[in-house]
N, C-alpha and C. Protein backbone atom coordinates (compact mmCIF):
# COMPACT_ATOMS: atom_id res chain seq x y z
N UNK A 1 -13.84 27.17 -2.55
CA UNK A 1 -13.44 25.80 -2.86
C UNK A 1 -12.92 25.14 -1.59
N UNK A 2 -13.49 23.98 -1.20
CA UNK A 2 -13.05 23.36 0.05
C UNK A 2 -11.65 22.79 -0.06
N UNK A 3 -10.93 22.89 1.03
CA UNK A 3 -9.59 22.31 1.06
C UNK A 3 -9.66 20.92 1.67
N UNK A 4 -8.89 20.02 1.13
CA UNK A 4 -8.89 18.65 1.63
C UNK A 4 -7.54 18.35 2.26
N UNK A 5 -7.56 17.51 3.27
CA UNK A 5 -6.31 17.12 3.90
C UNK A 5 -5.52 16.23 2.94
N UNK A 6 -4.20 16.19 3.11
CA UNK A 6 -3.40 15.29 2.25
C UNK A 6 -3.86 13.84 2.36
N UNK A 7 -4.31 13.43 3.56
CA UNK A 7 -4.76 12.06 3.73
C UNK A 7 -6.02 11.78 2.91
N UNK A 8 -6.97 12.72 2.91
CA UNK A 8 -8.21 12.46 2.16
C UNK A 8 -7.92 12.47 0.66
N UNK A 9 -6.98 13.29 0.22
CA UNK A 9 -6.62 13.29 -1.20
C UNK A 9 -5.94 11.98 -1.57
N UNK A 10 -5.08 11.46 -0.69
CA UNK A 10 -4.42 10.18 -0.95
C UNK A 10 -5.44 9.06 -1.01
N UNK A 11 -6.41 9.09 -0.10
CA UNK A 11 -7.44 8.05 -0.08
C UNK A 11 -8.26 8.10 -1.37
N UNK A 12 -8.61 9.30 -1.80
CA UNK A 12 -9.37 9.44 -3.05
C UNK A 12 -8.55 8.90 -4.23
N UNK A 13 -7.25 9.18 -4.24
CA UNK A 13 -6.38 8.69 -5.31
C UNK A 13 -6.35 7.16 -5.32
N UNK A 14 -6.25 6.55 -4.13
CA UNK A 14 -6.24 5.09 -4.06
C UNK A 14 -7.55 4.51 -4.57
N UNK A 15 -8.66 5.13 -4.22
CA UNK A 15 -9.96 4.64 -4.68
C UNK A 15 -10.07 4.78 -6.20
N UNK A 16 -9.55 5.87 -6.74
CA UNK A 16 -9.55 6.05 -8.20
C UNK A 16 -8.70 4.96 -8.86
N UNK A 17 -7.53 4.67 -8.28
CA UNK A 17 -6.66 3.64 -8.84
C UNK A 17 -7.36 2.29 -8.85
N UNK A 18 -8.06 1.95 -7.76
CA UNK A 18 -8.77 0.67 -7.68
C UNK A 18 -9.85 0.60 -8.76
N UNK A 19 -10.57 1.70 -8.94
CA UNK A 19 -11.63 1.73 -9.96
C UNK A 19 -11.04 1.52 -11.35
N UNK A 20 -9.91 2.17 -11.63
CA UNK A 20 -9.27 2.04 -12.94
C UNK A 20 -8.82 0.60 -13.18
N UNK A 21 -8.26 -0.05 -12.15
CA UNK A 21 -7.83 -1.44 -12.29
C UNK A 21 -9.04 -2.32 -12.62
N UNK A 22 -10.14 -2.14 -11.89
CA UNK A 22 -11.35 -2.95 -12.15
C UNK A 22 -11.87 -2.71 -13.56
N UNK A 23 -11.88 -1.45 -14.00
CA UNK A 23 -12.37 -1.15 -15.35
C UNK A 23 -11.49 -1.78 -16.41
N UNK A 24 -10.17 -1.75 -16.21
CA UNK A 24 -9.26 -2.37 -17.18
C UNK A 24 -9.48 -3.87 -17.26
N UNK A 25 -9.76 -4.50 -16.11
CA UNK A 25 -10.04 -5.93 -16.12
C UNK A 25 -11.34 -6.22 -16.86
N UNK A 26 -12.36 -5.41 -16.60
CA UNK A 26 -13.66 -5.61 -17.28
C UNK A 26 -13.54 -5.47 -18.79
N UNK A 27 -12.66 -4.58 -19.25
CA UNK A 27 -12.47 -4.39 -20.69
C UNK A 27 -11.56 -5.45 -21.29
N UNK A 28 -10.97 -6.30 -20.45
CA UNK A 28 -10.09 -7.34 -20.95
C UNK A 28 -8.65 -6.89 -21.14
N UNK A 29 -8.30 -5.71 -20.66
CA UNK A 29 -6.93 -5.21 -20.78
C UNK A 29 -6.00 -5.87 -19.77
N UNK A 30 -6.59 -6.36 -18.68
CA UNK A 30 -5.81 -7.05 -17.64
C UNK A 30 -6.42 -8.42 -17.40
N UNK A 31 -5.54 -9.41 -17.19
CA UNK A 31 -6.03 -10.73 -16.78
C UNK A 31 -6.50 -10.61 -15.33
N UNK A 32 -7.48 -11.43 -14.94
CA UNK A 32 -7.96 -11.38 -13.56
C UNK A 32 -6.86 -11.53 -12.52
N UNK A 33 -5.88 -12.41 -12.80
CA UNK A 33 -4.78 -12.61 -11.85
C UNK A 33 -3.95 -11.34 -11.70
N UNK A 34 -3.71 -10.65 -12.81
CA UNK A 34 -2.92 -9.42 -12.77
C UNK A 34 -3.68 -8.32 -12.03
N UNK A 35 -4.98 -8.24 -12.28
CA UNK A 35 -5.81 -7.24 -11.60
C UNK A 35 -5.82 -7.51 -10.10
N UNK A 36 -5.94 -8.77 -9.72
CA UNK A 36 -5.95 -9.14 -8.30
C UNK A 36 -4.63 -8.77 -7.63
N UNK A 37 -3.52 -9.02 -8.32
CA UNK A 37 -2.21 -8.69 -7.77
C UNK A 37 -2.07 -7.17 -7.60
N UNK A 38 -2.54 -6.41 -8.58
CA UNK A 38 -2.45 -4.96 -8.50
C UNK A 38 -3.32 -4.42 -7.37
N UNK A 39 -4.53 -4.99 -7.20
CA UNK A 39 -5.41 -4.56 -6.12
C UNK A 39 -4.82 -4.92 -4.75
N UNK A 40 -4.14 -6.05 -4.69
CA UNK A 40 -3.49 -6.46 -3.44
C UNK A 40 -2.39 -5.47 -3.06
N UNK A 41 -1.58 -5.08 -4.04
CA UNK A 41 -0.53 -4.08 -3.79
C UNK A 41 -1.16 -2.76 -3.34
N UNK A 42 -2.24 -2.40 -3.98
CA UNK A 42 -2.94 -1.16 -3.63
C UNK A 42 -3.46 -1.23 -2.19
N UNK A 43 -3.99 -2.39 -1.81
CA UNK A 43 -4.49 -2.59 -0.45
C UNK A 43 -3.35 -2.41 0.57
N UNK A 44 -2.18 -2.94 0.26
CA UNK A 44 -1.05 -2.80 1.17
C UNK A 44 -0.63 -1.35 1.31
N UNK A 45 -0.62 -0.60 0.21
CA UNK A 45 -0.30 0.83 0.28
C UNK A 45 -1.35 1.56 1.10
N UNK A 46 -2.61 1.18 0.91
CA UNK A 46 -3.74 1.78 1.62
C UNK A 46 -3.56 1.58 3.12
N UNK A 47 -3.18 0.36 3.51
CA UNK A 47 -2.99 0.04 4.93
C UNK A 47 -1.87 0.92 5.51
N UNK A 48 -0.79 1.08 4.78
CA UNK A 48 0.34 1.90 5.24
C UNK A 48 -0.10 3.35 5.45
N UNK A 49 -0.90 3.87 4.55
CA UNK A 49 -1.37 5.26 4.68
C UNK A 49 -2.23 5.41 5.93
N UNK A 50 -3.12 4.43 6.18
CA UNK A 50 -3.96 4.53 7.38
C UNK A 50 -3.12 4.42 8.64
N UNK A 51 -2.12 3.56 8.63
CA UNK A 51 -1.26 3.42 9.81
C UNK A 51 -0.54 4.74 10.08
N UNK A 52 -0.08 5.40 9.01
CA UNK A 52 0.58 6.71 9.19
C UNK A 52 -0.39 7.73 9.73
N UNK A 53 -1.61 7.72 9.20
CA UNK A 53 -2.62 8.70 9.65
C UNK A 53 -2.92 8.51 11.14
N UNK A 54 -2.95 7.24 11.58
CA UNK A 54 -3.29 6.94 12.96
C UNK A 54 -2.08 6.96 13.87
N UNK A 55 -0.89 7.11 13.31
CA UNK A 55 0.32 7.14 14.10
C UNK A 55 0.73 5.79 14.63
N UNK A 56 0.36 4.73 13.94
CA UNK A 56 0.67 3.36 14.38
C UNK A 56 2.08 3.00 13.89
């Protein structure tokens, strides 16, 4: 079984979260504005993780 770095696992988790938000919006569980706000927060977390990975 291949081992993944903590960064790649975090990135996969973020991508899964984004997919779940989009699916909830498509099903009508989230208003488009709420989904957009959640994706924006996710993007900011994503940026922070990349900055940490790159040592910025």
